[in-house]
Each structure stands twice: as C-alpha cells, then as structure tokens.
Amino acid sequence: MKTKIELIEIAANEFGSTPNVIRGKSRTRRASYARDALSYILHLHGCTHEEISKLVNRNRSSVTKGIERVNARLRSEDSDSSVYLQALHKACFHAGIHMPSYKLQAHEA
C-alpha cells in the first residue's frame, strides 16, 4: 500500500498540480479539484477526515465538503465531470486503490 506522501504525489501528477499547491492556499480550480480528489483517495485509503485535513492544510468540514463534491461528480453526466473522473480513476489505479462504482440510490432514480 502506498504512503500518504506517495498518494499526494499521485494526485498532484494526475491533476496537473504539485504537492505544494495542493497543500497550499491556492483556490484555483486546478488546485481545488486536485485537493478534493486527494481527499477522496485518502478517504478510500482509510484515513479519517481529521487526518486528511492535516495533510491538505484545511479544516475537517472542508475535507468533508470536498469528498461530497467528488461524489456529486461521480453522479454527474457533465462533460467536465467525465474528464475529472478519468483523472480520478487513473490516480486511484496508480495508488492501488479500488474506486467503488457509484450506483443511484432508489430515492435518486
């Protein structure tokens, strides 16, 4: 299993960013998307939201919202989301993490 530092590097590479940008104060779309993806990957890796918040230098509620945004993109059929999800799938693959497939809940169908 990959280390947390390796996961940060994988997410940065797949989303065209750097670990310093992900952990920094940048609020650009690229940094935000990479940060959300990293939070999701770390969540799948078994990290708590508190652990993730320390790694990405954000508060716990920001991490939770970021993971929720990724889950919303998983449900979306928007073309921007498909590009994002391709990068997310590649990052999960390189991280050795199985990305669960998303299924609509009965009340969402």
C-alpha atoms as a PDB file:
ATOM      1  CA  MET A   1       0.000   0.000   0.000  1.00  0.00           C
ATOM      2  CA  LYS A   2       1.228   3.487  -0.860  1.00  0.00           C
ATOM      3  CA  THR A   3       2.247   6.017   1.758  1.00  0.00           C
ATOM      4  CA  LYS A   4       0.286   9.221   2.236  1.00  0.00           C
ATOM      5  CA  ILE A   5       3.134  11.216   0.689  1.00  0.00           C
ATOM      6  CA  GLU A   6       3.065   8.970  -2.393  1.00  0.00           C
ATOM      7  CA  LEU A   7      -0.715   9.452  -2.638  1.00  0.00           C
ATOM      8  CA  ILE A   8      -0.271  13.236  -2.568  1.00  0.00           C
ATOM      9  CA  GLU A   9       2.266  12.980  -5.400  1.00  0.00           C
ATOM     10  CA  ILE A  10      -0.008  10.710  -7.455  1.00  0.00           C
ATOM     11  CA  ALA A  11      -2.988  13.051  -7.108  1.00  0.00           C
ATOM     12  CA  ALA A  12      -0.837  16.065  -7.959  1.00  0.00           C
ATOM     13  CA  ASN A  13       0.535  14.386 -11.084  1.00  0.00           C
ATOM     14  CA  GLU A  14      -2.841  13.206 -12.369  1.00  0.00           C
ATOM     15  CA  PHE A  15      -4.459  16.600 -11.842  1.00  0.00           C
ATOM     16  CA  GLY A  16      -1.587  18.681 -13.239  1.00  0.00           C
ATOM     17  CA  SER A  17      -0.605  20.180  -9.925  1.00  0.00           C
ATOM     18  CA  THR A  18       2.112  19.839  -7.308  1.00  0.00           C
ATOM     19  CA  PRO A  19       2.033  18.647  -3.701  1.00  0.00           C
ATOM     20  CA  ASN A  20       2.878  22.190  -2.550  1.00  0.00           C
ATOM     21  CA  VAL A  21      -0.063  23.658  -4.464  1.00  0.00           C
ATOM     22  CA  ILE A  22      -2.445  21.018  -3.085  1.00  0.00           C
ATOM     23  CA  ARG A  23      -1.292  21.704   0.470  1.00  0.00           C
ATOM     24  CA  GLY A  24      -1.060  25.458  -0.073  1.00  0.00           C
ATOM     25  CA  LYS A  25      -3.554  28.309  -0.046  1.00  0.00           C
ATOM     26  CA  SER A  26      -4.351  28.312  -3.772  1.00  0.00           C
ATOM     27  CA  ARG A  27      -8.053  28.398  -4.561  1.00  0.00           C
ATOM     28  CA  THR A  28      -7.753  27.858  -8.309  1.00  0.00           C
ATOM     29  CA  ARG A  29      -9.965  25.251  -9.930  1.00  0.00           C
ATOM     30  CA  ARG A  30      -6.966  23.028 -10.639  1.00  0.00           C
ATOM     31  CA  ALA A  31      -5.791  23.143  -7.014  1.00  0.00           C
ATOM     32  CA  SER A  32      -9.305  22.658  -5.674  1.00  0.00           C
ATOM     33  CA  TYR A  33     -10.025  19.685  -7.948  1.00  0.00           C
ATOM     34  CA  ALA A  34      -6.703  18.068  -7.043  1.00  0.00           C
ATOM     35  CA  ARG A  35      -7.294  18.681  -3.332  1.00  0.00           C
ATOM     36  CA  ASP A  36     -10.810  17.179  -3.492  1.00  0.00           C
ATOM     37  CA  ALA A  37      -9.513  14.152  -5.406  1.00  0.00           C
ATOM     38  CA  LEU A  38      -6.708  13.647  -2.906  1.00  0.00           C
ATOM     39  CA  SER A  39      -9.194  13.862  -0.031  1.00  0.00           C
ATOM     40  CA  TYR A  40     -11.364  11.233  -1.731  1.00  0.00           C
ATOM     41  CA  ILE A  41      -8.382   8.946  -2.386  1.00  0.00           C
ATOM     42  CA  LEU A  42      -7.163   9.287   1.204  1.00  0.00           C
ATOM     43  CA  HIS A  43     -10.709   8.574   2.407  1.00  0.00           C
ATOM     44  CA  LEU A  44     -10.753   5.360   0.337  1.00  0.00           C
ATOM     45  CA  HIS A  45      -7.283   4.615   1.740  1.00  0.00           C
ATOM     46  CA  GLY A  46      -8.856   4.558   5.214  1.00  0.00           C
ATOM     47  CA  CYS A  47      -7.780   7.938   6.555  1.00  0.00           C
ATOM     48  CA  THR A  48     -10.104   9.874   8.821  1.00  0.00           C
ATOM     49  CA  HIS A  49     -11.291  13.340   7.842  1.00  0.00           C
ATOM     50  CA  GLU A  50      -9.138  14.742  10.640  1.00  0.00           C
ATOM     51  CA  GLU A  51      -6.015  13.030   9.247  1.00  0.00           C
ATOM     52  CA  ILE A  52      -6.838  14.259   5.744  1.00  0.00           C
ATOM     53  CA  SER A  53      -7.398  17.805   6.981  1.00  0.00           C
ATOM     54  CA  LYS A  54      -3.866  17.884   8.408  1.00  0.00           C
ATOM     55  CA  LEU A  55      -2.387  16.585   5.143  1.00  0.00           C
ATOM     56  CA  VAL A  56      -4.150  19.144   2.930  1.00  0.00           C
ATOM     57  CA  ASN A  57      -3.995  22.035   5.422  1.00  0.00           C
ATOM     58  CA  ARG A  58      -7.755  22.524   5.536  1.00  0.00           C
ATOM     59  CA  ASN A  59     -10.327  22.150   8.279  1.00  0.00           C
ATOM     60  CA  ARG A  60     -12.266  18.927   8.639  1.00  0.00           C
ATOM     61  CA  SER A  61     -15.500  20.368   7.264  1.00  0.00           C
ATOM     62  CA  SER A  62     -13.693  21.473   4.090  1.00  0.00           C
ATOM     63  CA  VAL A  63     -12.441  17.924   3.609  1.00  0.00           C
ATOM     64  CA  THR A  64     -15.966  16.562   4.087  1.00  0.00           C
ATOM     65  CA  LYS A  65     -17.349  19.036   1.529  1.00  0.00           C
ATOM     66  CA  GLY A  66     -14.571  18.129  -0.909  1.00  0.00           C
ATOM     67  CA  ILE A  67     -15.407  14.429  -0.676  1.00  0.00           C
ATOM     68  CA  GLU A  68     -19.079  15.290  -1.178  1.00  0.00           C
ATOM     69  CA  ARG A  69     -18.141  17.262  -4.333  1.00  0.00           C
ATOM     70  CA  VAL A  70     -16.306  14.221  -5.703  1.00  0.00           C
ATOM     71  CA  ASN A  71     -19.338  12.038  -5.002  1.00  0.00           C
ATOM     72  CA  ALA A  72     -21.531  14.579  -6.818  1.00  0.00           C
ATOM     73  CA  ARG A  73     -19.173  14.435  -9.811  1.00  0.00           C
ATOM     74  CA  LEU A  74     -19.465  10.638  -9.762  1.00  0.00           C
ATOM     75  CA  ARG A  75     -23.228  11.042 -10.240  1.00  0.00           C
ATOM     76  CA  SER A  76     -22.930  13.806 -12.832  1.00  0.00           C
ATOM     77  CA  GLU A  77     -23.153  13.306 -16.575  1.00  0.00           C
ATOM     78  CA  ASP A  78     -21.477  16.654 -17.309  1.00  0.00           C
ATOM     79  CA  SER A  79     -18.557  16.518 -19.784  1.00  0.00           C
ATOM     80  CA  ASP A  80     -16.306  18.390 -17.316  1.00  0.00           C
ATOM     81  CA  SER A  81     -17.047  15.688 -14.761  1.00  0.00           C
ATOM     82  CA  SER A  82     -16.079  12.922 -17.189  1.00  0.00           C
ATOM     83  CA  VAL A  83     -12.606  14.452 -17.681  1.00  0.00           C
ATOM     84  CA  TYR A  84     -12.265  14.866 -13.912  1.00  0.00           C
ATOM     85  CA  LEU A  85     -13.355  11.278 -13.305  1.00  0.00           C
ATOM     86  CA  GLN A  86     -10.863   9.920 -15.836  1.00  0.00           C
ATOM     87  CA  ALA A  87      -8.070  11.592 -13.889  1.00  0.00           C
ATOM     88  CA  LEU A  88      -9.541  10.323 -10.614  1.00  0.00           C
ATOM     89  CA  HIS A  89      -9.709   6.745 -11.931  1.00  0.00           C
ATOM     90  CA  LYS A  90      -6.088   6.969 -13.097  1.00  0.00           C
ATOM     91  CA  ALA A  91      -4.999   8.345  -9.725  1.00  0.00           C
ATOM     92  CA  CYS A  92      -6.814   5.549  -7.883  1.00  0.00           C
ATOM     93  CA  PHE A  93      -5.281   2.963 -10.221  1.00  0.00           C
ATOM     94  CA  HIS A  94      -1.747   4.303  -9.649  1.00  0.00           C
ATOM     95  CA  ALA A  95      -2.432   4.451  -5.919  1.00  0.00           C
ATOM     96  CA  GLY A  96      -3.539   0.817  -5.896  1.00  0.00           C
ATOM     97  CA  ILE A  97      -6.932   1.792  -4.522  1.00  0.00           C
ATOM     98  CA  HIS A  98     -10.145   0.283  -5.829  1.00  0.00           C
ATOM     99  CA  MET A  99     -12.593   3.047  -6.660  1.00  0.00           C
ATOM    100  CA  PRO A 100     -16.103   1.790  -5.937  1.00  0.00           C
ATOM    101  CA  SER A 101     -18.640   2.250  -8.686  1.00  0.00           C
ATOM    102  CA  TYR A 102     -21.403   4.626  -7.827  1.00  0.00           C
ATOM    103  CA  LYS A 103     -24.984   3.453  -8.003  1.00  0.00           C
ATOM    104  CA  LEU A 104     -28.014   5.691  -7.673  1.00  0.00           C
ATOM    105  CA  GLN A 105     -29.994   5.218  -4.535  1.00  0.00           C
ATOM    106  CA  ALA A 106     -33.661   4.302  -5.005  1.00  0.00           C
ATOM    107  CA  HIS A 107     -34.786   7.796  -3.953  1.00  0.00           C
ATOM    108  CA  GLU A 108     -32.403   9.415  -6.504  1.00  0.00           C
ATOM    109  CA  ALA A 109     -33.597   7.417  -9.528  1.00  0.00           C
END
